[in-house]
């Protein structure tokens, strides 16, 4: 019998994975429901290769946040490529003493092989996610952004 998650369309399986991820659920088995063993993952901060390394990267990321939630908006699918727009909301104990939720809009380009994601590239503003929320650096970045507008 096929597991329930495999019966879902690709992009819905991806969304379900991210809705259910937490520090206690990030493991190779859960990620392997969507990701190919030879996954190539890239975001504005890191590039990793392979399911084992991706699992370690996600485990470290989820361990360091006190709250994280993904809201998914639109998605497109053509052949073996999907694009999904999302808003990630998170709280980190070292940013605003862990009291403020930070919202980051972004998107994920997913390339599928054998019904698993072989290439995942996230697009988002790294400054909006992290740098703008650091005490001194954040002030400087916000000032520069204000001058550019």
N, C-alpha and C. Protein backbone atom coordinates (compact mmCIF):
# COMPACT_ATOMS: atom_id res chain seq x y z
N UNK A 1 0.84 -1.19 0.00
CA UNK A 1 0.00 0.00 0.00
C UNK A 1 0.88 1.25 0.00
N UNK A 2 0.53 2.25 -0.78
CA UNK A 2 1.30 3.47 -0.90
C UNK A 2 1.03 4.39 0.29
N UNK A 3 2.11 4.95 0.92
CA UNK A 3 1.88 5.90 2.01
C UNK A 3 1.03 7.07 1.53
N UNK A 4 0.25 7.63 2.44
CA UNK A 4 -0.69 8.70 2.10
C UNK A 4 0.01 9.88 1.43
N UNK A 5 1.22 10.24 1.88
CA UNK A 5 1.91 11.39 1.30
C UNK A 5 2.28 11.15 -0.15
N UNK A 6 2.57 9.91 -0.55
CA UNK A 6 2.94 9.64 -1.93
C UNK A 6 1.74 9.72 -2.86
N UNK A 7 0.52 9.62 -2.34
CA UNK A 7 -0.69 9.71 -3.16
C UNK A 7 -1.01 11.16 -3.52
N UNK A 8 -0.43 12.12 -2.81
CA UNK A 8 -0.68 13.53 -3.07
C UNK A 8 0.08 13.99 -4.31
N UNK A 9 -0.46 14.98 -5.04
CA UNK A 9 0.32 15.59 -6.12
C UNK A 9 1.64 16.15 -5.56
N UNK A 10 2.63 16.24 -6.43
CA UNK A 10 3.99 16.62 -6.01
C UNK A 10 4.02 17.88 -5.14
N UNK A 11 3.48 18.98 -5.68
CA UNK A 11 3.59 20.25 -4.95
C UNK A 11 2.83 20.20 -3.63
N UNK A 12 1.74 19.44 -3.57
CA UNK A 12 1.00 19.32 -2.30
C UNK A 12 1.79 18.50 -1.28
N UNK A 13 2.51 17.49 -1.77
CA UNK A 13 3.36 16.68 -0.88
C UNK A 13 4.48 17.56 -0.30
N UNK A 14 5.05 18.42 -1.14
CA UNK A 14 6.08 19.35 -0.69
C UNK A 14 5.52 20.29 0.38
N UNK A 15 4.34 20.86 0.12
CA UNK A 15 3.73 21.78 1.08
C UNK A 15 3.41 21.08 2.39
N UNK A 16 2.91 19.87 2.32
CA UNK A 16 2.60 19.11 3.53
C UNK A 16 3.87 18.85 4.34
N UNK A 17 4.96 18.51 3.66
CA UNK A 17 6.23 18.28 4.35
C UNK A 17 6.62 19.52 5.15
N UNK A 18 6.58 20.68 4.51
CA UNK A 18 7.01 21.91 5.19
C UNK A 18 6.03 22.36 6.27
N UNK A 19 4.77 22.07 6.11
CA UNK A 19 3.81 22.41 7.17
C UNK A 19 4.06 21.57 8.42
N UNK A 20 4.56 20.35 8.24
CA UNK A 20 4.75 19.43 9.36
C UNK A 20 6.17 19.39 9.90
N UNK A 21 7.12 20.07 9.25
CA UNK A 21 8.50 20.02 9.72
C UNK A 21 8.67 20.77 11.04
N UNK A 22 9.46 20.20 11.90
CA UNK A 22 9.84 20.84 13.17
C UNK A 22 11.17 20.23 13.59
N UNK A 23 11.74 20.74 14.65
CA UNK A 23 13.01 20.19 15.14
C UNK A 23 12.90 18.70 15.42
N UNK A 24 11.73 18.25 15.84
CA UNK A 24 11.57 16.83 16.19
C UNK A 24 11.21 15.95 14.99
N UNK A 25 10.84 16.56 13.85
CA UNK A 25 10.44 15.74 12.70
C UNK A 25 11.42 15.81 11.54
N UNK A 26 12.46 16.64 11.64
CA UNK A 26 13.44 16.71 10.55
C UNK A 26 14.33 15.47 10.65
N UNK A 27 14.17 14.58 9.69
CA UNK A 27 15.03 13.40 9.62
C UNK A 27 15.05 12.92 8.17
N UNK A 28 15.95 12.01 7.89
CA UNK A 28 16.13 11.53 6.52
C UNK A 28 14.86 10.87 5.99
N UNK A 29 14.15 10.18 6.85
CA UNK A 29 12.92 9.50 6.42
C UNK A 29 11.86 10.51 5.98
N UNK A 30 11.62 11.55 6.78
CA UNK A 30 10.60 12.53 6.42
C UNK A 30 11.00 13.32 5.17
N UNK A 31 12.27 13.75 5.10
CA UNK A 31 12.72 14.49 3.92
C UNK A 31 12.75 13.60 2.68
N UNK A 32 13.04 12.32 2.88
CA UNK A 32 13.11 11.38 1.76
C UNK A 32 11.77 11.13 1.09
N UNK A 33 10.67 11.57 1.71
CA UNK A 33 9.36 11.45 1.08
C UNK A 33 9.22 12.42 -0.09
N UNK A 34 10.02 13.49 -0.08
CA UNK A 34 9.97 14.48 -1.16
C UNK A 34 11.29 14.61 -1.91
N UNK A 35 12.40 14.38 -1.23
CA UNK A 35 13.70 14.67 -1.81
C UNK A 35 14.43 13.42 -2.31
N UNK A 36 15.04 13.54 -3.46
CA UNK A 36 15.86 12.51 -4.08
C UNK A 36 17.15 12.36 -3.26
N UNK A 37 17.72 11.16 -3.18
CA UNK A 37 18.98 11.00 -2.44
C UNK A 37 20.11 11.91 -2.94
N UNK A 38 20.07 12.29 -4.23
CA UNK A 38 21.11 13.15 -4.80
C UNK A 38 20.68 14.61 -4.90
N UNK A 39 19.80 15.05 -4.02
CA UNK A 39 19.27 16.41 -4.03
C UNK A 39 20.38 17.46 -4.06
N UNK A 40 20.16 18.49 -4.86
CA UNK A 40 21.00 19.69 -4.86
C UNK A 40 20.11 20.81 -4.32
N UNK A 41 20.50 21.41 -3.21
CA UNK A 41 19.69 22.44 -2.57
C UNK A 41 20.50 23.72 -2.48
N UNK A 42 19.85 24.84 -2.80
CA UNK A 42 20.53 26.13 -2.70
C UNK A 42 19.56 27.19 -2.23
N UNK A 43 20.01 28.00 -1.27
CA UNK A 43 19.29 29.20 -0.85
C UNK A 43 20.31 30.34 -0.80
N UNK A 44 19.90 31.56 -0.48
CA UNK A 44 20.87 32.66 -0.48
C UNK A 44 22.04 32.50 0.49
N UNK A 45 21.96 31.57 1.43
CA UNK A 45 23.01 31.40 2.42
C UNK A 45 23.87 30.16 2.23
N UNK A 46 23.31 29.09 1.67
CA UNK A 46 24.01 27.81 1.60
C UNK A 46 23.71 27.08 0.30
N UNK A 47 24.62 26.16 -0.02
CA UNK A 47 24.40 25.22 -1.10
C UNK A 47 24.84 23.86 -0.57
N UNK A 48 23.95 22.87 -0.64
CA UNK A 48 24.27 21.54 -0.12
C UNK A 48 23.91 20.49 -1.16
N UNK A 49 24.61 19.36 -1.08
CA UNK A 49 24.40 18.25 -2.01
C UNK A 49 24.16 16.97 -1.22
N UNK A 50 23.11 16.25 -1.58
CA UNK A 50 22.81 14.96 -0.98
C UNK A 50 21.82 15.06 0.16
N UNK A 51 21.02 14.01 0.30
CA UNK A 51 19.97 13.98 1.31
C UNK A 51 20.53 14.00 2.73
N UNK A 52 21.64 13.33 2.96
CA UNK A 52 22.23 13.34 4.31
C UNK A 52 22.64 14.75 4.74
N UNK A 53 23.30 15.48 3.84
CA UNK A 53 23.75 16.84 4.16
C UNK A 53 22.56 17.78 4.29
N UNK A 54 21.55 17.61 3.42
CA UNK A 54 20.34 18.44 3.53
C UNK A 54 19.65 18.20 4.86
N UNK A 55 19.59 16.96 5.29
CA UNK A 55 18.97 16.63 6.58
C UNK A 55 19.72 17.31 7.72
N UNK A 56 21.05 17.30 7.67
CA UNK A 56 21.85 17.97 8.71
C UNK A 56 21.62 19.48 8.69
N UNK A 57 21.56 20.06 7.50
CA UNK A 57 21.34 21.50 7.36
C UNK A 57 19.98 21.90 7.93
N UNK A 58 18.93 21.17 7.55
CA UNK A 58 17.60 21.47 8.06
C UNK A 58 17.51 21.24 9.56
N UNK A 59 18.13 20.17 10.06
CA UNK A 59 18.09 19.89 11.50
C UNK A 59 18.71 21.04 12.28
N UNK A 60 19.84 21.56 11.82
CA UNK A 60 20.48 22.69 12.50
C UNK A 60 19.61 23.94 12.42
N UNK A 61 19.00 24.18 11.27
CA UNK A 61 18.15 25.36 11.10
C UNK A 61 16.92 25.28 12.02
N UNK A 62 16.26 24.16 12.03
CA UNK A 62 15.04 24.02 12.83
C UNK A 62 15.34 23.98 14.33
N UNK A 63 16.52 23.52 14.69
CA UNK A 63 16.91 23.49 16.10
C UNK A 63 17.09 24.90 16.65
N UNK A 64 17.44 25.84 15.77
CA UNK A 64 17.75 27.20 16.20
C UNK A 64 16.58 28.17 16.17
N UNK A 65 15.41 27.74 15.73
CA UNK A 65 14.25 28.63 15.74
C UNK A 65 13.26 28.16 16.79
N UNK A 66 12.59 29.12 17.41
CA UNK A 66 11.59 28.75 18.42
C UNK A 66 10.19 28.62 17.81
N UNK A 67 10.03 29.13 16.58
CA UNK A 67 8.75 29.03 15.87
C UNK A 67 9.04 29.15 14.39
N UNK A 68 8.37 28.34 13.59
CA UNK A 68 8.47 28.48 12.13
C UNK A 68 7.18 27.97 11.51
N UNK A 69 6.71 28.71 10.51
CA UNK A 69 5.46 28.34 9.82
C UNK A 69 5.56 28.79 8.37
N UNK A 70 5.10 27.95 7.47
CA UNK A 70 5.05 28.30 6.05
C UNK A 70 3.60 28.44 5.61
N UNK A 71 3.33 29.54 4.92
CA UNK A 71 2.03 29.73 4.27
C UNK A 71 2.31 29.72 2.77
N UNK A 72 1.62 28.86 2.05
CA UNK A 72 1.85 28.72 0.62
C UNK A 72 0.78 29.50 -0.14
N UNK A 73 1.21 30.13 -1.23
CA UNK A 73 0.32 30.97 -2.02
C UNK A 73 0.02 30.30 -3.35
N UNK A 74 0.71 30.68 -4.38
CA UNK A 74 0.47 30.12 -5.71
C UNK A 74 1.55 29.11 -6.06
N UNK A 75 1.18 28.21 -6.96
CA UNK A 75 2.18 27.27 -7.46
C UNK A 75 1.94 27.03 -8.95
N UNK A 76 3.02 26.75 -9.66
CA UNK A 76 2.98 26.44 -11.08
C UNK A 76 3.72 25.13 -11.30
N UNK A 77 3.24 24.38 -12.24
CA UNK A 77 3.88 23.11 -12.58
C UNK A 77 3.94 23.00 -14.09
N UNK A 78 5.12 22.69 -14.63
CA UNK A 78 5.26 22.41 -16.05
C UNK A 78 6.29 21.31 -16.21
N UNK A 79 5.86 20.21 -16.79
CA UNK A 79 6.72 19.05 -16.96
C UNK A 79 7.32 18.63 -15.62
N UNK A 80 8.64 18.68 -15.51
CA UNK A 80 9.29 18.24 -14.27
C UNK A 80 9.71 19.40 -13.37
N UNK A 81 9.13 20.58 -13.58
CA UNK A 81 9.51 21.76 -12.80
C UNK A 81 8.29 22.37 -12.14
N UNK A 82 8.45 22.72 -10.87
CA UNK A 82 7.40 23.43 -10.11
C UNK A 82 7.99 24.71 -9.56
N UNK A 83 7.14 25.69 -9.36
CA UNK A 83 7.53 26.90 -8.63
C UNK A 83 6.41 27.19 -7.64
N UNK A 84 6.79 27.40 -6.39
CA UNK A 84 5.82 27.63 -5.33
C UNK A 84 6.19 28.91 -4.59
N UNK A 85 5.23 29.83 -4.48
CA UNK A 85 5.43 31.06 -3.70
C UNK A 85 4.96 30.82 -2.29
N UNK A 86 5.70 31.39 -1.31
CA UNK A 86 5.39 31.15 0.10
C UNK A 86 5.78 32.35 0.95
N UNK A 87 5.25 32.35 2.16
CA UNK A 87 5.69 33.27 3.21
C UNK A 87 6.12 32.41 4.38
N UNK A 88 7.35 32.61 4.81
CA UNK A 88 7.86 31.91 5.99
C UNK A 88 7.80 32.89 7.16
N UNK A 89 7.24 32.45 8.26
CA UNK A 89 7.20 33.24 9.49
C UNK A 89 8.00 32.48 10.53
N UNK A 90 8.91 33.17 11.19
CA UNK A 90 9.73 32.48 12.19
C UNK A 90 10.10 33.42 13.33
N UNK A 91 10.49 32.79 14.42
CA UNK A 91 10.98 33.51 15.59
C UNK A 91 12.29 32.84 15.99
N UNK A 92 13.31 33.66 16.22
CA UNK A 92 14.63 33.16 16.60
C UNK A 92 15.01 33.78 17.94
N UNK A 93 15.49 32.98 18.89
CA UNK A 93 15.79 33.51 20.22
C UNK A 93 16.84 34.62 20.24
N UNK A 94 17.69 34.71 19.21
CA UNK A 94 18.73 35.75 19.20
C UNK A 94 18.32 37.01 18.44
N UNK A 95 17.12 37.02 17.88
CA UNK A 95 16.61 38.20 17.19
C UNK A 95 15.42 38.74 17.96
N UNK A 96 15.50 39.97 18.39
CA UNK A 96 14.44 40.61 19.18
C UNK A 96 14.11 39.81 20.44
N UNK A 97 15.12 39.20 21.02
CA UNK A 97 14.97 38.38 22.24
C UNK A 97 13.94 37.27 22.04
N UNK A 98 13.75 36.86 20.79
CA UNK A 98 12.82 35.77 20.50
C UNK A 98 11.36 36.14 20.61
N UNK A 99 11.06 37.44 20.69
CA UNK A 99 9.67 37.86 20.91
C UNK A 99 8.94 38.28 19.64
N UNK A 100 9.68 38.60 18.59
CA UNK A 100 9.03 39.10 17.37
C UNK A 100 9.06 38.04 16.27
N UNK A 101 7.93 37.87 15.61
CA UNK A 101 7.85 36.97 14.46
C UNK A 101 8.30 37.75 13.22
N UNK A 102 9.20 37.16 12.47
CA UNK A 102 9.73 37.76 11.25
C UNK A 102 9.08 37.05 10.06
N UNK A 103 8.62 37.84 9.08
CA UNK A 103 7.94 37.28 7.90
C UNK A 103 8.83 37.49 6.68
N UNK A 104 9.03 36.44 5.92
CA UNK A 104 9.87 36.49 4.73
C UNK A 104 9.10 35.90 3.56
N UNK A 105 8.97 36.67 2.49
CA UNK A 105 8.32 36.16 1.29
C UNK A 105 9.38 35.57 0.37
N UNK A 106 9.03 34.47 -0.27
CA UNK A 106 9.98 33.84 -1.17
C UNK A 106 9.31 32.86 -2.10
N UNK A 107 10.15 32.12 -2.78
CA UNK A 107 9.65 31.10 -3.70
C UNK A 107 10.66 29.99 -3.83
N UNK A 108 10.16 28.83 -4.21
CA UNK A 108 11.01 27.65 -4.40
C UNK A 108 10.81 27.11 -5.81
N UNK A 109 11.93 26.96 -6.52
CA UNK A 109 11.91 26.26 -7.80
C UNK A 109 12.32 24.82 -7.53
N UNK A 110 11.49 23.89 -7.96
CA UNK A 110 11.72 22.48 -7.69
C UNK A 110 11.79 21.72 -9.01
N UNK A 111 12.84 20.95 -9.18
CA UNK A 111 12.96 20.09 -10.35
C UNK A 111 12.84 18.65 -9.86
N UNK A 112 11.98 17.90 -10.52
CA UNK A 112 11.62 16.56 -10.07
C UNK A 112 12.26 15.49 -10.94
N UNK A 113 12.68 14.40 -10.30
CA UNK A 113 13.14 13.20 -10.99
C UNK A 113 12.58 12.00 -10.23
N UNK A 114 11.99 11.09 -10.93
CA UNK A 114 11.40 9.90 -10.29
C UNK A 114 10.43 10.30 -9.18
N UNK A 115 9.68 11.37 -9.42
CA UNK A 115 8.67 11.88 -8.49
C UNK A 115 9.26 12.40 -7.17
N UNK A 116 10.57 12.68 -7.17
CA UNK A 116 11.25 13.26 -6.01
C UNK A 116 12.00 14.51 -6.46
N UNK A 117 12.22 15.44 -5.55
CA UNK A 117 12.91 16.68 -5.87
C UNK A 117 14.41 16.40 -5.97
N UNK A 118 14.97 16.66 -7.15
CA UNK A 118 16.41 16.47 -7.38
C UNK A 118 17.15 17.80 -7.27
N UNK A 119 16.45 18.91 -7.51
CA UNK A 119 17.06 20.24 -7.42
C UNK A 119 16.05 21.19 -6.79
N UNK A 120 16.45 21.86 -5.72
CA UNK A 120 15.58 22.79 -4.99
C UNK A 120 16.36 24.09 -4.81
N UNK A 121 15.82 25.15 -5.38
CA UNK A 121 16.46 26.45 -5.24
C UNK A 121 15.46 27.42 -4.62
N UNK A 122 15.83 27.99 -3.47
CA UNK A 122 14.97 28.97 -2.79
C UNK A 122 15.41 30.38 -3.16
N UNK A 123 14.43 31.23 -3.39
CA UNK A 123 14.66 32.64 -3.71
C UNK A 123 13.97 33.48 -2.64
N UNK A 124 14.75 34.28 -1.92
CA UNK A 124 14.21 35.22 -0.94
C UNK A 124 15.28 36.25 -0.64
N UNK A 125 14.87 37.33 -0.01
CA UNK A 125 15.77 38.42 0.37
C UNK A 125 16.45 38.05 1.68
N UNK A 126 17.75 37.72 1.60
CA UNK A 126 18.50 37.35 2.80
C UNK A 126 18.56 38.47 3.82
N UNK A 127 18.57 39.71 3.34
CA UNK A 127 18.55 40.85 4.26
C UNK A 127 17.26 40.89 5.05
N UNK A 128 16.15 40.67 4.37
CA UNK A 128 14.85 40.66 5.04
C UNK A 128 14.74 39.50 6.02
N UNK A 129 15.38 38.39 5.70
CA UNK A 129 15.30 37.23 6.58
C UNK A 129 16.18 37.37 7.82
N UNK A 130 17.36 37.95 7.65
CA UNK A 130 18.31 37.94 8.76
C UNK A 130 18.99 39.28 9.00
N UNK A 131 19.72 39.78 8.02
CA UNK A 131 20.61 40.91 8.23
C UNK A 131 19.91 42.16 8.75
N UNK A 132 18.71 42.45 8.25
CA UNK A 132 17.99 43.65 8.69
C UNK A 132 17.56 43.57 10.14
N UNK A 133 17.61 42.40 10.72
CA UNK A 133 17.14 42.21 12.10
C UNK A 133 18.28 42.15 13.10
N UNK A 134 19.51 42.32 12.63
CA UNK A 134 20.67 42.37 13.52
C UNK A 134 20.85 43.81 13.98
N UNK A 135 21.19 44.04 15.25
CA UNK A 135 21.20 45.40 15.81
C UNK A 135 21.92 46.46 14.98
N UNK A 136 23.20 46.41 14.78
CA UNK A 136 23.92 47.48 14.08
C UNK A 136 23.80 47.33 12.57
N UNK A 137 24.02 46.14 12.08
CA UNK A 137 23.96 45.88 10.65
C UNK A 137 22.55 46.16 10.10
N UNK A 138 21.54 45.79 10.85
CA UNK A 138 20.16 46.01 10.42
C UNK A 138 19.86 47.48 10.21
N UNK A 139 20.32 48.32 11.12
CA UNK A 139 20.10 49.76 10.98
C UNK A 139 20.74 50.26 9.69
N UNK A 140 21.97 49.84 9.42
CA UNK A 140 22.68 50.29 8.22
C UNK A 140 21.98 49.82 6.94
N UNK A 141 21.54 48.59 6.92
CA UNK A 141 20.86 48.06 5.74
C UNK A 141 19.53 48.77 5.50
N UNK A 142 18.77 48.99 6.55
CA UNK A 142 17.49 49.70 6.40
C UNK A 142 17.73 51.12 5.89
N UNK A 143 18.77 51.77 6.38
CA UNK A 143 19.10 53.13 5.94
C UNK A 143 19.46 53.13 4.44
N UNK A 144 20.28 52.17 4.03
CA UNK A 144 20.65 52.08 2.61
C UNK A 144 19.43 51.79 1.74
N UNK A 145 18.59 50.90 2.18
CA UNK A 145 17.38 50.58 1.41
C UNK A 145 16.50 51.82 1.27
N UNK A 146 16.39 52.61 2.33
CA UNK A 146 15.60 53.83 2.30
C UNK A 146 16.13 54.83 1.29
N UNK A 147 17.44 54.90 1.15
CA UNK A 147 18.04 55.83 0.19
C UNK A 147 17.83 55.39 -1.24
N UNK A 148 17.72 54.09 -1.44
CA UNK A 148 17.57 53.57 -2.80
C UNK A 148 16.15 53.71 -3.31
N UNK A 149 15.19 53.88 -2.43
CA UNK A 149 13.79 53.96 -2.87
C UNK A 149 13.38 55.35 -3.20
